[in-house]
Amino acid sequence: MSSMRNSRPNDDAQQSQQSEGAEDLAARVDELQARVAELEDLRRRALADLDNTRKRMGRDLERERQAQRDEVSARWLPVVDDLERALQHAGADPASLMEGVRGVYDRALATLRELGYSRRDDMGARFDPARHEAVAVRGETGSPPGTVVEVHLPGYGDDEHQLRPALVSVAGKDQ
């Protein structure tokens, strides 16, 4: 009988320990579920912040693009004004009309230069595919092969920022 008495307290102790372990485990599960919910909330907030940042950056970028368009357009207004004045005096003396057109041309080149796109004089330069677009090869030019012998349309800009490459004819081998 004494063995029966001893087994019951051990069983009660085991059950008590199992019960405490189950309670500890349930508490840990609750703790982890609360942490998961907290992290899920942080994730949702981060995604919302990212979405808001993308939208704000899109609006800022569009505002900056519009400001750049406004600035460039404002720089061209004096050219348009000069052309308008030239057209108003189109019936005047041809020499003064030519002088007015020359002034508009000079102002247009100055505006391009201010915007960072100077006109290049590529006549006699060595052909460079990064700066030139060859539209013809000419023989018997007296120039070394690969030299620009005619500029059909001038190039604007420098090596890093080119608005347009020059359209050129290049010297080929003399026959």
Foldseek 3Di string as FASTA:
>chain_A
DVVVVVVVVVVVVVVVVVVVVVVVVVVVVVVVVVVVVVVVVVVVVVVVVVVVVVVVVVVVVVVVVVVVVVVLVVLCVVLVVLVVVLVVCVVPDPVVSVVSVVVSVVSVQVSLVVVAWHWDDQQQPADDVLQEDEPEEDAPPPHPFRTFHAWPAIWIHDSVDTPGHTYTYTYHYHD
